Amino acid sequence: MKCKFIQIFPHFGQNLEHNKIFYLRVKELAKKHSCTPAQLALAWILHQRDDMVPIPGTTKIKNLDENIGAVRVKLT
């Protein structure tokens, strides 16, 4: 049986295995930088140019705190 996400968004199913591999790489890189994958993604955007600003949405304070932590991630 397919997961509910794939039932709702079937176009993601054809790339699911590729996306899993990509996510695992991001997760490993985030661990190396002592941050979460979400923080790494936001930090990457912040480090692109001075005029680029990510606008993450959340409804939970816990996630907001995690997102704010992206400014402490140092990328080279």
PDB file of N, CA and C in Angstrom:
ATOM      1  N   MET A   1       0.838  -1.186   0.000  1.00  0.00           N
ATOM      2  CA  MET A   1       0.000   0.000   0.000  1.00  0.00           C
ATOM      3  C   MET A   1       0.878   1.244   0.000  1.00  0.00           C
ATOM      4  N   LYS A   2       0.543   2.224  -0.808  1.00  0.00           N
ATOM      5  CA  LYS A   2       1.295   3.471  -0.879  1.00  0.00           C
ATOM      6  C   LYS A   2       0.982   4.335   0.340  1.00  0.00           C
ATOM      7  N   CYS A   3       1.971   5.159   0.704  1.00  0.00           N
ATOM      8  CA  CYS A   3       1.730   6.066   1.827  1.00  0.00           C
ATOM      9  C   CYS A   3       0.716   7.130   1.415  1.00  0.00           C
ATOM     10  N   LYS A   4       0.080   7.738   2.398  1.00  0.00           N
ATOM     11  CA  LYS A   4      -0.970   8.714   2.135  1.00  0.00           C
ATOM     12  C   LYS A   4      -0.434   9.918   1.348  1.00  0.00           C
ATOM     13  N   PHE A   5       0.806  10.345   1.636  1.00  0.00           N
ATOM     14  CA  PHE A   5       1.393  11.479   0.930  1.00  0.00           C
ATOM     15  C   PHE A   5       1.440  11.212  -0.567  1.00  0.00           C
ATOM     16  N   ILE A   6       1.880  10.018  -0.949  1.00  0.00           N
ATOM     17  CA  ILE A   6       1.977   9.662  -2.365  1.00  0.00           C
ATOM     18  C   ILE A   6       0.582   9.578  -2.993  1.00  0.00           C
ATOM     19  N   GLN A   7      -0.408   9.160  -2.214  1.00  0.00           N
ATOM     20  CA  GLN A   7      -1.769   9.116  -2.741  1.00  0.00           C
ATOM     21  C   GLN A   7      -2.290  10.520  -3.028  1.00  0.00           C
ATOM     22  N   ILE A   8      -1.911  11.484  -2.174  1.00  0.00           N
ATOM     23  CA  ILE A   8      -2.377  12.863  -2.352  1.00  0.00           C
ATOM     24  C   ILE A   8      -1.575  13.567  -3.448  1.00  0.00           C
ATOM     25  N   PHE A   9      -0.244  13.298  -3.487  1.00  0.00           N
ATOM     26  CA  PHE A   9       0.646  13.935  -4.459  1.00  0.00           C
ATOM     27  C   PHE A   9       1.357  12.855  -5.279  1.00  0.00           C
ATOM     28  N   PRO A  10       0.662  12.204  -6.199  1.00  0.00           N
ATOM     29  CA  PRO A  10       1.244  11.067  -6.914  1.00  0.00           C
ATOM     30  C   PRO A  10       2.493  11.408  -7.720  1.00  0.00           C
ATOM     31  N   HIS A  11       2.641  12.656  -8.166  1.00  0.00           N
ATOM     32  CA  HIS A  11       3.814  13.025  -8.970  1.00  0.00           C
ATOM     33  C   HIS A  11       5.106  12.945  -8.153  1.00  0.00           C
ATOM     34  N   PHE A  12       5.024  12.967  -6.825  1.00  0.00           N
ATOM     35  CA  PHE A  12       6.223  12.818  -6.006  1.00  0.00           C
ATOM     36  C   PHE A  12       6.676  11.363  -5.948  1.00  0.00           C
ATOM     37  N   GLY A  13       5.776  10.436  -6.183  1.00  0.00           N
ATOM     38  CA  GLY A  13       6.092   9.014  -6.083  1.00  0.00           C
ATOM     39  C   GLY A  13       7.181   8.567  -7.035  1.00  0.00           C
ATOM     40  N   GLN A  14       7.200   9.106  -8.247  1.00  0.00           N
ATOM     41  CA  GLN A  14       8.183   8.683  -9.233  1.00  0.00           C
ATOM     42  C   GLN A  14       9.596   9.131  -8.860  1.00  0.00           C
ATOM     43  N   ASN A  15       9.735  10.129  -8.017  1.00  0.00           N
ATOM     44  CA  ASN A  15      11.046  10.613  -7.597  1.00  0.00           C
ATOM     45  C   ASN A  15      11.334  10.339  -6.126  1.00  0.00           C
ATOM     46  N   LEU A  16      10.506   9.539  -5.484  1.00  0.00           N
ATOM     47  CA  LEU A  16      10.624   9.324  -4.051  1.00  0.00           C
ATOM     48  C   LEU A  16      11.988   8.754  -3.668  1.00  0.00           C
ATOM     49  N   GLU A  17      12.461   7.744  -4.356  1.00  0.00           N
ATOM     50  CA  GLU A  17      13.752   7.135  -4.003  1.00  0.00           C
ATOM     51  C   GLU A  17      14.898   8.125  -4.208  1.00  0.00           C
ATOM     52  N   HIS A  18      14.864   8.879  -5.295  1.00  0.00           N
ATOM     53  CA  HIS A  18      15.891   9.892  -5.542  1.00  0.00           C
ATOM     54  C   HIS A  18      15.864  10.949  -4.442  1.00  0.00           C
ATOM     55  N   ASN A  19      14.667  11.392  -4.063  1.00  0.00           N
ATOM     56  CA  ASN A  19      14.537  12.406  -3.026  1.00  0.00           C
ATOM     57  C   ASN A  19      14.994  11.889  -1.671  1.00  0.00           C
ATOM     58  N   LYS A  20      14.770  10.614  -1.385  1.00  0.00           N
ATOM     59  CA  LYS A  20      15.237  10.032  -0.126  1.00  0.00           C
ATOM     60  C   LYS A  20      16.757  10.076  -0.046  1.00  0.00           C
ATOM     61  N   ILE A  21      17.414   9.731  -1.129  1.00  0.00           N
ATOM     62  CA  ILE A  21      18.880   9.752  -1.174  1.00  0.00           C
ATOM     63  C   ILE A  21      19.381  11.179  -0.965  1.00  0.00           C
ATOM     64  N   PHE A  22      18.766  12.130  -1.655  1.00  0.00           N
ATOM     65  CA  PHE A  22      19.144  13.531  -1.519  1.00  0.00           C
ATOM     66  C   PHE A  22      18.943  13.997  -0.076  1.00  0.00           C
ATOM     67  N   TYR A  23      17.799  13.643   0.522  1.00  0.00           N
ATOM     68  CA  TYR A  23      17.528  14.060   1.898  1.00  0.00           C
ATOM     69  C   TYR A  23      18.546  13.463   2.861  1.00  0.00           C
ATOM     70  N   LEU A  24      18.908  12.211   2.674  1.00  0.00           N
ATOM     71  CA  LEU A  24      19.889  11.586   3.565  1.00  0.00           C
ATOM     72  C   LEU A  24      21.237  12.283   3.472  1.00  0.00           C
ATOM     73  N   ARG A  25      21.611  12.738   2.293  1.00  0.00           N
ATOM     74  CA  ARG A  25      22.859  13.494   2.141  1.00  0.00           C
ATOM     75  C   ARG A  25      22.775  14.834   2.864  1.00  0.00           C
ATOM     76  N   VAL A  26      21.643  15.505   2.728  1.00  0.00           N
ATOM     77  CA  VAL A  26      21.447  16.787   3.418  1.00  0.00           C
ATOM     78  C   VAL A  26      21.471  16.561   4.933  1.00  0.00           C
ATOM     79  N   LYS A  27      20.841  15.489   5.384  1.00  0.00           N
ATOM     80  CA  LYS A  27      20.808  15.171   6.811  1.00  0.00           C
ATOM     81  C   LYS A  27      22.220  14.925   7.356  1.00  0.00           C
ATOM     82  N   GLU A  28      23.047  14.204   6.603  1.00  0.00           N
ATOM     83  CA  GLU A  28      24.430  13.962   7.013  1.00  0.00           C
ATOM     84  C   GLU A  28      25.223  15.260   7.070  1.00  0.00           C
ATOM     85  N   LEU A  29      25.042  16.114   6.075  1.00  0.00           N
ATOM     86  CA  LEU A  29      25.740  17.394   6.043  1.00  0.00           C
ATOM     87  C   LEU A  29      25.289  18.282   7.203  1.00  0.00           C
ATOM     88  N   ALA A  30      24.009  18.257   7.502  1.00  0.00           N
ATOM     89  CA  ALA A  30      23.489  19.029   8.631  1.00  0.00           C
ATOM     90  C   ALA A  30      24.112  18.540   9.939  1.00  0.00           C
ATOM     91  N   LYS A  31      24.226  17.245  10.078  1.00  0.00           N
ATOM     92  CA  LYS A  31      24.846  16.682  11.288  1.00  0.00           C
ATOM     93  C   LYS A  31      26.289  17.173  11.414  1.00  0.00           C
ATOM     94  N   LYS A  32      27.008  17.222  10.306  1.00  0.00           N
ATOM     95  CA  LYS A  32      28.391  17.706  10.291  1.00  0.00           C
ATOM     96  C   LYS A  32      28.468  19.150  10.783  1.00  0.00           C
ATOM     97  N   HIS A  33      27.448  19.943  10.471  1.00  0.00           N
ATOM     98  CA  HIS A  33      27.401  21.353  10.876  1.00  0.00           C
ATOM     99  C   HIS A  33      26.650  21.548  12.189  1.00  0.00           C
ATOM    100  N   SER A  34      26.306  20.467  12.862  1.00  0.00           N
ATOM    101  CA  SER A  34      25.589  20.504  14.147  1.00  0.00           C
ATOM    102  C   SER A  34      24.293  21.310  14.062  1.00  0.00           C
ATOM    103  N   CYS A  35      23.528  21.019  13.023  1.00  0.00           N
ATOM    104  CA  CYS A  35      22.245  21.704  12.851  1.00  0.00           C
ATOM    105  C   CYS A  35      21.236  20.711  12.275  1.00  0.00           C
ATOM    106  N   THR A  36      20.022  21.180  12.087  1.00  0.00           N
ATOM    107  CA  THR A  36      18.985  20.345  11.483  1.00  0.00           C
ATOM    108  C   THR A  36      18.994  20.535   9.963  1.00  0.00           C
ATOM    109  N   PRO A  37      18.403  19.621   9.209  1.00  0.00           N
ATOM    110  CA  PRO A  37      18.307  19.810   7.758  1.00  0.00           C
ATOM    111  C   PRO A  37      17.596  21.119   7.385  1.00  0.00           C
ATOM    112  N   ALA A  38      16.559  21.477   8.128  1.00  0.00           N
ATOM    113  CA  ALA A  38      15.849  22.734   7.842  1.00  0.00           C
ATOM    114  C   ALA A  38      16.766  23.931   8.065  1.00  0.00           C
ATOM    115  N   GLN A  39      17.546  23.913   9.135  1.00  0.00           N
ATOM    116  CA  GLN A  39      18.479  25.013   9.396  1.00  0.00           C
ATOM    117  C   GLN A  39      19.533  25.094   8.299  1.00  0.00           C
ATOM    118  N   LEU A  40      20.005  23.954   7.844  1.00  0.00           N
ATOM    119  CA  LEU A  40      21.001  23.945   6.776  1.00  0.00           C
ATOM    120  C   LEU A  40      20.426  24.558   5.497  1.00  0.00           C
ATOM    121  N   ALA A  41      19.209  24.195   5.170  1.00  0.00           N
ATOM    122  CA  ALA A  41      18.573  24.738   3.962  1.00  0.00           C
ATOM    123  C   ALA A  41      18.404  26.256   4.071  1.00  0.00           C
ATOM    124  N   LEU A  42      17.955  26.723   5.223  1.00  0.00           N
ATOM    125  CA  LEU A  42      17.787  28.161   5.416  1.00  0.00           C
ATOM    126  C   LEU A  42      19.138  28.877   5.414  1.00  0.00           C
ATOM    127  N   ALA A  43      20.139  28.271   6.045  1.00  0.00           N
ATOM    128  CA  ALA A  43      21.480  28.863   6.073  1.00  0.00           C
ATOM    129  C   ALA A  43      22.038  28.972   4.662  1.00  0.00           C
ATOM    130  N   TRP A  44      21.802  27.954   3.850  1.00  0.00           N
ATOM    131  CA  TRP A  44      22.285  27.981   2.464  1.00  0.00           C
ATOM    132  C   TRP A  44      21.690  29.177   1.719  1.00  0.00           C
ATOM    133  N   ILE A  45      20.392  29.393   1.894  1.00  0.00           N
ATOM    134  CA  ILE A  45      19.748  30.538   1.240  1.00  0.00           C
ATOM    135  C   ILE A  45      20.342  31.841   1.765  1.00  0.00           C
ATOM    136  N   LEU A  46      20.517  31.937   3.073  1.00  0.00           N
ATOM    137  CA  LEU A  46      21.068  33.155   3.674  1.00  0.00           C
ATOM    138  C   LEU A  46      22.477  33.461   3.183  1.00  0.00           C
ATOM    139  N   HIS A  47      23.238  32.438   2.832  1.00  0.00           N
ATOM    140  CA  HIS A  47      24.617  32.627   2.401  1.00  0.00           C
ATOM    141  C   HIS A  47      24.761  32.832   0.888  1.00  0.00           C
ATOM    142  N   GLN A  48      23.670  32.868   0.159  1.00  0.00           N
ATOM    143  CA  GLN A  48      23.756  33.041  -1.288  1.00  0.00           C
ATOM    144  C   GLN A  48      24.125  34.471  -1.666  1.00  0.00           C
ATOM    145  N   ARG A  49      23.328  35.402  -1.202  1.00  0.00           N
ATOM    146  CA  ARG A  49      23.549  36.823  -1.508  1.00  0.00           C
ATOM    147  C   ARG A  49      22.950  37.636  -0.368  1.00  0.00           C
ATOM    148  N   ASP A  50      23.403  38.860  -0.245  1.00  0.00           N
ATOM    149  CA  ASP A  50      22.875  39.725   0.810  1.00  0.00           C
ATOM    150  C   ASP A  50      21.422  40.122   0.585  1.00  0.00           C
ATOM    151  N   ASP A  51      20.967  40.062  -0.658  1.00  0.00           N
ATOM    152  CA  ASP A  51      19.602  40.482  -0.941  1.00  0.00           C
ATOM    153  C   ASP A  51      18.614  39.315  -1.025  1.00  0.00           C
ATOM    154  N   MET A  52      19.025  38.129  -0.573  1.00  0.00           N
ATOM    155  CA  MET A  52      18.124  36.972  -0.550  1.00  0.00           C
ATOM    156  C   MET A  52      17.740  36.673   0.891  1.00  0.00           C
ATOM    157  N   VAL A  53      16.439  36.540   1.123  1.00  0.00           N
ATOM    158  CA  VAL A  53      15.947  36.274   2.465  1.00  0.00           C
ATOM    159  C   VAL A  53      14.918  35.151   2.391  1.00  0.00           C
ATOM    160  N   PRO A  54      15.155  34.054   3.123  1.00  0.00           N
ATOM    161  CA  PRO A  54      14.148  32.992   3.139  1.00  0.00           C
ATOM    162  C   PRO A  54      12.947  33.432   3.976  1.00  0.00           C
ATOM    163  N   ILE A  55      11.783  32.988   3.587  1.00  0.00           N
ATOM    164  CA  ILE A  55      10.574  33.301   4.337  1.00  0.00           C
ATOM    165  C   ILE A  55       9.882  31.981   4.694  1.00  0.00           C
ATOM    166  N   PRO A  56      10.391  31.307   5.725  1.00  0.00           N
ATOM    167  CA  PRO A  56       9.767  30.035   6.104  1.00  0.00           C
ATOM    168  C   PRO A  56       8.464  30.286   6.863  1.00  0.00           C
ATOM    169  N   GLY A  57       7.518  29.435   6.663  1.00  0.00           N
ATOM    170  CA  GLY A  57       6.253  29.559   7.373  1.00  0.00           C
ATOM    171  C   GLY A  57       6.148  28.484   8.442  1.00  0.00           C
ATOM    172  N   THR A  58       5.572  28.818   9.552  1.00  0.00           N
ATOM    173  CA  THR A  58       5.349  27.840  10.604  1.00  0.00           C
ATOM    174  C   THR A  58       4.218  28.312  11.509  1.00  0.00           C
ATOM    175  N   THR A  59       3.627  27.377  12.203  1.00  0.00           N
ATOM    176  CA  THR A  59       2.574  27.709  13.161  1.00  0.00           C
ATOM    177  C   THR A  59       2.994  27.340  14.578  1.00  0.00           C
ATOM    178  N   LYS A  60       4.229  26.839  14.722  1.00  0.00           N
ATOM    179  CA  LYS A  60       4.687  26.375  16.025  1.00  0.00           C
ATOM    180  C   LYS A  60       5.932  27.145  16.459  1.00  0.00           C
ATOM    181  N   ILE A  61       5.950  27.589  17.708  1.00  0.00           N
ATOM    182  CA  ILE A  61       7.096  28.322  18.258  1.00  0.00           C
ATOM    183  C   ILE A  61       8.359  27.475  18.182  1.00  0.00           C
ATOM    184  N   LYS A  62       8.239  26.175  18.428  1.00  0.00           N
ATOM    185  CA  LYS A  62       9.393  25.266  18.366  1.00  0.00           C
ATOM    186  C   LYS A  62      10.055  25.340  16.987  1.00  0.00           C
ATOM    187  N   ASN A  63       9.257  25.348  15.935  1.00  0.00           N
ATOM    188  CA  ASN A  63       9.798  25.426  14.575  1.00  0.00           C
ATOM    189  C   ASN A  63      10.367  26.806  14.277  1.00  0.00           C
ATOM    190  N   LEU A  64       9.743  27.841  14.810  1.00  0.00           N
ATOM    191  CA  LEU A  64      10.271  29.197  14.646  1.00  0.00           C
ATOM    192  C   LEU A  64      11.658  29.299  15.276  1.00  0.00           C
ATOM    193  N   ASP A  65      11.807  28.761  16.492  1.00  0.00           N
ATOM    194  CA  ASP A  65      13.110  28.765  17.163  1.00  0.00           C
ATOM    195  C   ASP A  65      14.151  28.002  16.343  1.00  0.00           C
ATOM    196  N   GLU A  66      13.737  26.871  15.769  1.00  0.00           N
ATOM    197  CA  GLU A  66      14.650  26.097  14.927  1.00  0.00           C
ATOM    198  C   GLU A  66      15.063  26.913  13.701  1.00  0.00           C
ATOM    199  N   ASN A  67      14.104  27.572  13.068  1.00  0.00           N
ATOM    200  CA  ASN A  67      14.404  28.375  11.889  1.00  0.00           C
ATOM    201  C   ASN A  67      15.373  29.517  12.213  1.00  0.00           C
ATOM    202  N   ILE A  68      15.169  30.167  13.344  1.00  0.00           N
ATOM    203  CA  ILE A  68      16.039  31.258  13.758  1.00  0.00           C
ATOM    204  C   ILE A  68      17.467  30.751  13.951  1.00  0.00           C
ATOM    205  N   GLY A  69      17.602  29.504  14.390  1.00  0.00           N
ATOM    206  CA  GLY A  69      18.926  28.911  14.577  1.00  0.00           C
ATOM    207  C   GLY A  69      19.756  28.833  13.305  1.00  0.00           C
ATOM    208  N   ALA A  70      19.140  28.999  12.164  1.00  0.00           N
ATOM    209  CA  ALA A  70      19.861  28.936  10.883  1.00  0.00           C
ATOM    210  C   ALA A  70      20.880  30.056  10.762  1.00  0.00           C
ATOM    211  N   VAL A  71      20.666  31.173  11.427  1.00  0.00           N
ATOM    212  CA  VAL A  71      21.624  32.285  11.315  1.00  0.00           C
ATOM    213  C   VAL A  71      22.949  31.962  12.003  1.00  0.00           C
ATOM    214  N   ARG A  72      22.976  30.947  12.878  1.00  0.00           N
ATOM    215  CA  ARG A  72      24.208  30.556  13.548  1.00  0.00           C
ATOM    216  C   ARG A  72      25.012  29.522  12.759  1.00  0.00           C
ATOM    217  N   VAL A  73      24.435  28.994  11.695  1.00  0.00           N
ATOM    218  CA  VAL A  73      25.122  27.979  10.882  1.00  0.00           C
ATOM    219  C   VAL A  73      26.120  28.690   9.968  1.00  0.00           C
ATOM    220  N   LYS A  74      27.373  28.307  10.070  1.00  0.00           N
ATOM    221  CA  LYS A  74      28.419  28.934   9.263  1.00  0.00           C
ATOM    222  C   LYS A  74      28.778  28.008   8.107  1.00  0.00           C
ATOM    223  N   LEU A  75      28.597  28.478   6.903  1.00  0.00           N
ATOM    224  CA  LEU A  75      28.926  27.710   5.705  1.00  0.00           C
ATOM    225  C   LEU A  75      30.114  28.366   5.014  1.00  0.00           C
ATOM    226  N   THR A  76      30.945  27.550   4.383  1.00  0.00           N
ATOM    227  CA  THR A  76      32.085  28.087   3.652  1.00  0.00           C
ATOM    228  C   THR A  76      31.979  27.722   2.185  1.00  0.00           C
TER     229      THR A  76
END
